[in-house]
């Protein structure tokens, strides 16, 4: 996928970022406001939200890095 880059940070830091996104969304922030606040794409924030709604906090856990 062209242009796709994993953000910098440890898996724990990235998981914390995803959890923060969910907290902001639950507080009433829009997808675009959360994306701007966390320097993430709107599509990523939406994907995190969908995963959280389907599987709870465990869906936000860091996945092993391929390779």
PDB file of N, CA and C in Angstrom:
ATOM      1  N   UNK A   1       0.851  -1.187   0.000  1.00  0.00           N
ATOM      2  CA  UNK A   1       0.000   0.000   0.000  1.00  0.00           C
ATOM      3  C   UNK A   1       0.892   1.244   0.000  1.00  0.00           C
ATOM      4  N   UNK A   2       0.793   2.077  -0.978  1.00  0.00           N
ATOM      5  CA  UNK A   2       1.635   3.252  -1.074  1.00  0.00           C
ATOM      6  C   UNK A   2       1.257   4.284  -0.026  1.00  0.00           C
ATOM      7  N   UNK A   3       2.250   4.879   0.589  1.00  0.00           N
ATOM      8  CA  UNK A   3       2.010   5.944   1.542  1.00  0.00           C
ATOM      9  C   UNK A   3       1.613   5.476   2.927  1.00  0.00           C
ATOM     10  N   UNK A   4       1.379   4.197   3.104  1.00  0.00           N
ATOM     11  CA  UNK A   4       0.979   3.701   4.417  1.00  0.00           C
ATOM     12  C   UNK A   4       2.210   3.530   5.286  1.00  0.00           C
ATOM     13  N   UNK A   5       2.190   4.179   6.428  1.00  0.00           N
ATOM     14  CA  UNK A   5       3.312   4.063   7.348  1.00  0.00           C
ATOM     15  C   UNK A   5       2.767   3.809   8.740  1.00  0.00           C
ATOM     16  N   UNK A   6       3.407   2.913   9.443  1.00  0.00           N
ATOM     17  CA  UNK A   6       3.046   2.724  10.836  1.00  0.00           C
ATOM     18  C   UNK A   6       3.554   3.934  11.597  1.00  0.00           C
ATOM     19  N   UNK A   7       2.750   4.462  12.518  1.00  0.00           N
ATOM     20  CA  UNK A   7       3.240   5.593  13.308  1.00  0.00           C
ATOM     21  C   UNK A   7       4.383   5.145  14.216  1.00  0.00           C
ATOM     22  N   UNK A   8       5.214   6.092  14.591  1.00  0.00           N
ATOM     23  CA  UNK A   8       6.330   5.781  15.475  1.00  0.00           C
ATOM     24  C   UNK A   8       5.818   5.594  16.890  1.00  0.00           C
ATOM     25  N   UNK A   9       6.470   4.722  17.615  1.00  0.00           N
ATOM     26  CA  UNK A   9       6.113   4.487  18.999  1.00  0.00           C
ATOM     27  C   UNK A   9       6.103   3.008  19.297  1.00  0.00           C
ATOM     28  N   UNK A  10       6.193   2.695  20.570  1.00  0.00           N
ATOM     29  CA  UNK A  10       6.139   1.302  20.974  1.00  0.00           C
ATOM     30  C   UNK A  10       4.704   0.807  20.829  1.00  0.00           C
ATOM     31  N   UNK A  11       4.506  -0.494  20.765  1.00  0.00           N
ATOM     32  CA  UNK A  11       3.130  -1.000  20.727  1.00  0.00           C
ATOM     33  C   UNK A  11       2.277  -0.456  21.879  1.00  0.00           C
ATOM     34  N   UNK A  12       2.860  -0.331  23.058  1.00  0.00           N
ATOM     35  CA  UNK A  12       2.102   0.195  24.204  1.00  0.00           C
ATOM     36  C   UNK A  12       1.710   1.650  23.980  1.00  0.00           C
ATOM     37  N   UNK A  13       2.610   2.438  23.402  1.00  0.00           N
ATOM     38  CA  UNK A  13       2.301   3.843  23.137  1.00  0.00           C
ATOM     39  C   UNK A  13       1.193   3.971  22.097  1.00  0.00           C
ATOM     40  N   UNK A  14       1.243   3.120  21.091  1.00  0.00           N
ATOM     41  CA  UNK A  14       0.223   3.175  20.037  1.00  0.00           C
ATOM     42  C   UNK A  14      -1.132   2.736  20.588  1.00  0.00           C
ATOM     43  N   UNK A  15      -1.130   1.738  21.466  1.00  0.00           N
ATOM     44  CA  UNK A  15      -2.379   1.303  22.090  1.00  0.00           C
ATOM     45  C   UNK A  15      -2.955   2.431  22.944  1.00  0.00           C
ATOM     46  N   UNK A  16      -2.093   3.125  23.676  1.00  0.00           N
ATOM     47  CA  UNK A  16      -2.540   4.251  24.506  1.00  0.00           C
ATOM     48  C   UNK A  16      -3.177   5.330  23.629  1.00  0.00           C
ATOM     49  N   UNK A  17      -2.590   5.559  22.459  1.00  0.00           N
ATOM     50  CA  UNK A  17      -3.130   6.552  21.517  1.00  0.00           C
ATOM     51  C   UNK A  17      -4.533   6.144  21.054  1.00  0.00           C
ATOM     52  N   UNK A  18      -4.711   4.862  20.750  1.00  0.00           N
ATOM     53  CA  UNK A  18      -6.027   4.384  20.325  1.00  0.00           C
ATOM     54  C   UNK A  18      -7.052   4.522  21.451  1.00  0.00           C
ATOM     55  N   UNK A  19      -6.642   4.189  22.674  1.00  0.00           N
ATOM     56  CA  UNK A  19      -7.551   4.325  23.820  1.00  0.00           C
ATOM     57  C   UNK A  19      -7.932   5.790  24.040  1.00  0.00           C
ATOM     58  N   UNK A  20      -6.961   6.681  23.858  1.00  0.00           N
ATOM     59  CA  UNK A  20      -7.229   8.113  23.993  1.00  0.00           C
ATOM     60  C   UNK A  20      -8.253   8.561  22.952  1.00  0.00           C
ATOM     61  N   UNK A  21      -8.124   8.053  21.736  1.00  0.00           N
ATOM     62  CA  UNK A  21      -9.079   8.380  20.679  1.00  0.00           C
ATOM     63  C   UNK A  21     -10.496   7.986  21.095  1.00  0.00           C
ATOM     64  N   UNK A  22     -10.642   6.795  21.667  1.00  0.00           N
ATOM     65  CA  UNK A  22     -11.965   6.335  22.096  1.00  0.00           C
ATOM     66  C   UNK A  22     -12.521   7.240  23.184  1.00  0.00           C
ATOM     67  N   UNK A  23     -11.672   7.632  24.129  1.00  0.00           N
ATOM     68  CA  UNK A  23     -12.118   8.534  25.200  1.00  0.00           C
ATOM     69  C   UNK A  23     -12.629   9.854  24.622  1.00  0.00           C
ATOM     70  N   UNK A  24     -11.909  10.383  23.646  1.00  0.00           N
ATOM     71  CA  UNK A  24     -12.322  11.648  23.028  1.00  0.00           C
ATOM     72  C   UNK A  24     -13.652  11.493  22.291  1.00  0.00           C
ATOM     73  N   UNK A  25     -13.800  10.386  21.570  1.00  0.00           N
ATOM     74  CA  UNK A  25     -15.058  10.140  20.858  1.00  0.00           C
ATOM     75  C   UNK A  25     -16.215  10.000  21.842  1.00  0.00           C
ATOM     76  N   UNK A  26     -15.978   9.305  22.948  1.00  0.00           N
ATOM     77  CA  UNK A  26     -17.029   9.132  23.950  1.00  0.00           C
ATOM     78  C   UNK A  26     -17.388  10.457  24.605  1.00  0.00           C
ATOM     79  N   UNK A  27     -16.444  11.397  24.620  1.00  0.00           N
ATOM     80  CA  UNK A  27     -16.695  12.720  25.194  1.00  0.00           C
ATOM     81  C   UNK A  27     -17.418  13.638  24.205  1.00  0.00           C
ATOM     82  N   UNK A  28     -17.692  13.110  22.993  1.00  0.00           N
ATOM     83  CA  UNK A  28     -18.468  13.886  22.044  1.00  0.00           C
ATOM     84  C   UNK A  28     -17.678  14.558  20.942  1.00  0.00           C
ATOM     85  N   UNK A  29     -16.379  14.308  20.889  1.00  0.00           N
ATOM     86  CA  UNK A  29     -15.575  14.895  19.814  1.00  0.00           C
ATOM     87  C   UNK A  29     -15.909  14.200  18.487  1.00  0.00           C
ATOM     88  N   UNK A  30     -15.734  14.939  17.409  1.00  0.00           N
ATOM     89  CA  UNK A  30     -15.977  14.350  16.088  1.00  0.00           C
ATOM     90  C   UNK A  30     -14.763  13.527  15.656  1.00  0.00           C
ATOM     91  N   UNK A  31     -14.976  12.655  14.673  1.00  0.00           N
ATOM     92  CA  UNK A  31     -13.878  11.860  14.130  1.00  0.00           C
ATOM     93  C   UNK A  31     -12.742  12.761  13.645  1.00  0.00           C
ATOM     94  N   UNK A  32     -13.104  13.828  12.941  1.00  0.00           N
ATOM     95  CA  UNK A  32     -12.056  14.688  12.396  1.00  0.00           C
ATOM     96  C   UNK A  32     -11.326  15.451  13.498  1.00  0.00           C
ATOM     97  N   UNK A  33     -12.025  15.840  14.553  1.00  0.00           N
ATOM     98  CA  UNK A  33     -11.372  16.539  15.666  1.00  0.00           C
ATOM     99  C   UNK A  33     -10.398  15.603  16.382  1.00  0.00           C
ATOM    100  N   UNK A  34     -10.802  14.353  16.576  1.00  0.00           N
ATOM    101  CA  UNK A  34      -9.934  13.371  17.223  1.00  0.00           C
ATOM    102  C   UNK A  34      -8.723  13.087  16.337  1.00  0.00           C
ATOM    103  N   UNK A  35      -8.955  12.928  15.046  1.00  0.00           N
ATOM    104  CA  UNK A  35      -7.850  12.669  14.120  1.00  0.00           C
ATOM    105  C   UNK A  35      -6.833  13.806  14.170  1.00  0.00           C
ATOM    106  N   UNK A  36      -7.317  15.042  14.164  1.00  0.00           N
ATOM    107  CA  UNK A  36      -6.405  16.194  14.237  1.00  0.00           C
ATOM    108  C   UNK A  36      -5.647  16.197  15.557  1.00  0.00           C
ATOM    109  N   UNK A  37      -6.350  15.936  16.653  1.00  0.00           N
ATOM    110  CA  UNK A  37      -5.731  15.982  17.981  1.00  0.00           C
ATOM    111  C   UNK A  37      -4.620  14.944  18.123  1.00  0.00           C
ATOM    112  N   UNK A  38      -4.780  13.803  17.474  1.00  0.00           N
ATOM    113  CA  UNK A  38      -3.823  12.710  17.628  1.00  0.00           C
ATOM    114  C   UNK A  38      -2.911  12.536  16.413  1.00  0.00           C
ATOM    115  N   UNK A  39      -2.999  13.466  15.466  1.00  0.00           N
ATOM    116  CA  UNK A  39      -2.221  13.367  14.221  1.00  0.00           C
ATOM    117  C   UNK A  39      -2.421  12.011  13.555  1.00  0.00           C
ATOM    118  N   UNK A  40      -3.683  11.615  13.461  1.00  0.00           N
ATOM    119  CA  UNK A  40      -4.049  10.351  12.826  1.00  0.00           C
ATOM    120  C   UNK A  40      -4.993  10.668  11.668  1.00  0.00           C
ATOM    121  N   UNK A  41      -5.204   9.701  10.810  1.00  0.00           N
ATOM    122  CA  UNK A  41      -6.170   9.904   9.734  1.00  0.00           C
ATOM    123  C   UNK A  41      -7.579   9.646  10.272  1.00  0.00           C
ATOM    124  N   UNK A  42      -8.553  10.280   9.653  1.00  0.00           N
ATOM    125  CA  UNK A  42      -9.944  10.062  10.038  1.00  0.00           C
ATOM    126  C   UNK A  42     -10.297   8.588   9.851  1.00  0.00           C
ATOM    127  N   UNK A  43      -9.776   7.980   8.784  1.00  0.00           N
ATOM    128  CA  UNK A  43     -10.099   6.567   8.543  1.00  0.00           C
ATOM    129  C   UNK A  43      -9.545   5.673   9.654  1.00  0.00           C
ATOM    130  N   UNK A  44      -8.372   6.005  10.181  1.00  0.00           N
ATOM    131  CA  UNK A  44      -7.830   5.217  11.294  1.00  0.00           C
ATOM    132  C   UNK A  44      -8.689   5.365  12.537  1.00  0.00           C
ATOM    133  N   UNK A  45      -9.070   6.593  12.859  1.00  0.00           N
ATOM    134  CA  UNK A  45      -9.905   6.829  14.042  1.00  0.00           C
ATOM    135  C   UNK A  45     -11.229   6.082  13.891  1.00  0.00           C
ATOM    136  N   UNK A  46     -11.809   6.123  12.699  1.00  0.00           N
ATOM    137  CA  UNK A  46     -13.063   5.410  12.461  1.00  0.00           C
ATOM    138  C   UNK A  46     -12.869   3.904  12.639  1.00  0.00           C
ATOM    139  N   UNK A  47     -11.759   3.381  12.120  1.00  0.00           N
ATOM    140  CA  UNK A  47     -11.474   1.950  12.250  1.00  0.00           C
ATOM    141  C   UNK A  47     -11.322   1.548  13.718  1.00  0.00           C
ATOM    142  N   UNK A  48     -10.630   2.388  14.504  1.00  0.00           N
ATOM    143  CA  UNK A  48     -10.470   2.105  15.941  1.00  0.00           C
ATOM    144  C   UNK A  48     -11.825   2.108  16.633  1.00  0.00           C
ATOM    145  N   UNK A  49     -12.661   3.071  16.286  1.00  0.00           N
ATOM    146  CA  UNK A  49     -13.993   3.188  16.895  1.00  0.00           C
ATOM    147  C   UNK A  49     -14.851   1.962  16.581  1.00  0.00           C
ATOM    148  N   UNK A  50     -14.828   1.547  15.303  1.00  0.00           N
ATOM    149  CA  UNK A  50     -15.595   0.365  14.912  1.00  0.00           C
ATOM    150  C   UNK A  50     -15.100  -0.888  15.654  1.00  0.00           C
ATOM    151  N   UNK A  51     -13.792  -1.043  15.731  1.00  0.00           N
ATOM    152  CA  UNK A  51     -13.210  -2.197  16.424  1.00  0.00           C
ATOM    153  C   UNK A  51     -13.606  -2.182  17.896  1.00  0.00           C
ATOM    154  N   UNK A  52     -13.535  -1.007  18.504  1.00  0.00           N
ATOM    155  CA  UNK A  52     -13.904  -0.873  19.920  1.00  0.00           C
ATOM    156  C   UNK A  52     -15.378  -1.224  20.131  1.00  0.00           C
ATOM    157  N   UNK A  53     -16.232  -0.732  19.256  1.00  0.00           N
ATOM    158  CA  UNK A  53     -17.670  -0.996  19.405  1.00  0.00           C
ATOM    159  C   UNK A  53     -17.983  -2.476  19.247  1.00  0.00           C
ATOM    160  N   UNK A  54     -17.236  -3.163  18.408  1.00  0.00           N
ATOM    161  CA  UNK A  54     -17.486  -4.587  18.176  1.00  0.00           C
ATOM    162  C   UNK A  54     -16.852  -5.481  19.237  1.00  0.00           C
ATOM    163  N   UNK A  55     -15.657  -5.118  19.710  1.00  0.00           N
ATOM    164  CA  UNK A  55     -14.901  -6.020  20.583  1.00  0.00           C
ATOM    165  C   UNK A  55     -14.365  -5.403  21.864  1.00  0.00           C
ATOM    166  N   UNK A  56     -14.754  -4.163  22.153  1.00  0.00           N
ATOM    167  CA  UNK A  56     -14.305  -3.545  23.395  1.00  0.00           C
ATOM    168  C   UNK A  56     -12.833  -3.169  23.377  1.00  0.00           C
ATOM    169  N   UNK A  57     -12.307  -2.884  24.569  1.00  0.00           N
ATOM    170  CA  UNK A  57     -10.934  -2.402  24.679  1.00  0.00           C
ATOM    171  C   UNK A  57      -9.907  -3.392  24.153  1.00  0.00           C
ATOM    172  N   UNK A  58     -10.219  -4.682  24.211  1.00  0.00           N
ATOM    173  CA  UNK A  58      -9.240  -5.665  23.732  1.00  0.00           C
ATOM    174  C   UNK A  58      -8.955  -5.489  22.235  1.00  0.00           C
ATOM    175  N   UNK A  59      -9.902  -4.889  21.509  1.00  0.00           N
ATOM    176  CA  UNK A  59      -9.695  -4.659  20.078  1.00  0.00           C
ATOM    177  C   UNK A  59      -8.636  -3.594  19.821  1.00  0.00           C
ATOM    178  N   UNK A  60      -8.308  -2.819  20.836  1.00  0.00           N
ATOM    179  CA  UNK A  60      -7.333  -1.740  20.679  1.00  0.00           C
ATOM    180  C   UNK A  60      -5.923  -2.181  21.037  1.00  0.00           C
ATOM    181  N   UNK A  61      -5.790  -3.405  21.491  1.00  0.00           N
ATOM    182  CA  UNK A  61      -4.466  -3.902  21.894  1.00  0.00           C
ATOM    183  C   UNK A  61      -3.516  -3.922  20.714  1.00  0.00           C
ATOM    184  N   UNK A  62      -2.249  -3.726  21.024  1.00  0.00           N
ATOM    185  CA  UNK A  62      -1.217  -3.748  20.001  1.00  0.00           C
ATOM    186  C   UNK A  62      -1.117  -5.163  19.426  1.00  0.00           C
ATOM    187  N   UNK A  63      -0.953  -5.218  18.120  1.00  0.00           N
ATOM    188  CA  UNK A  63      -0.770  -6.503  17.441  1.00  0.00           C
ATOM    189  C   UNK A  63       0.704  -6.675  17.159  1.00  0.00           C
ATOM    190  N   UNK A  64       1.184  -7.893  17.120  1.00  0.00           N
ATOM    191  CA  UNK A  64       2.602  -8.108  16.813  1.00  0.00           C
ATOM    192  C   UNK A  64       2.963  -7.530  15.450  1.00  0.00           C
ATOM    193  N   UNK A  65       4.132  -6.965  15.341  1.00  0.00           N
ATOM    194  CA  UNK A  65       4.583  -6.395  14.084  1.00  0.00           C
ATOM    195  C   UNK A  65       5.018  -7.506  13.138  1.00  0.00           C
ATOM    196  N   UNK A  66       4.479  -7.535  11.913  1.00  0.00           N
ATOM    197  CA  UNK A  66       4.911  -8.573  10.976  1.00  0.00           C
ATOM    198  C   UNK A  66       6.356  -8.379  10.566  1.00  0.00           C
ATOM    199  N   UNK A  67       7.016  -9.474  10.246  1.00  0.00           N
ATOM    200  CA  UNK A  67       8.391  -9.368   9.789  1.00  0.00           C
ATOM    201  C   UNK A  67       9.294  -9.858  10.786  1.00  0.00           C
TER     202      UNK A  67
END
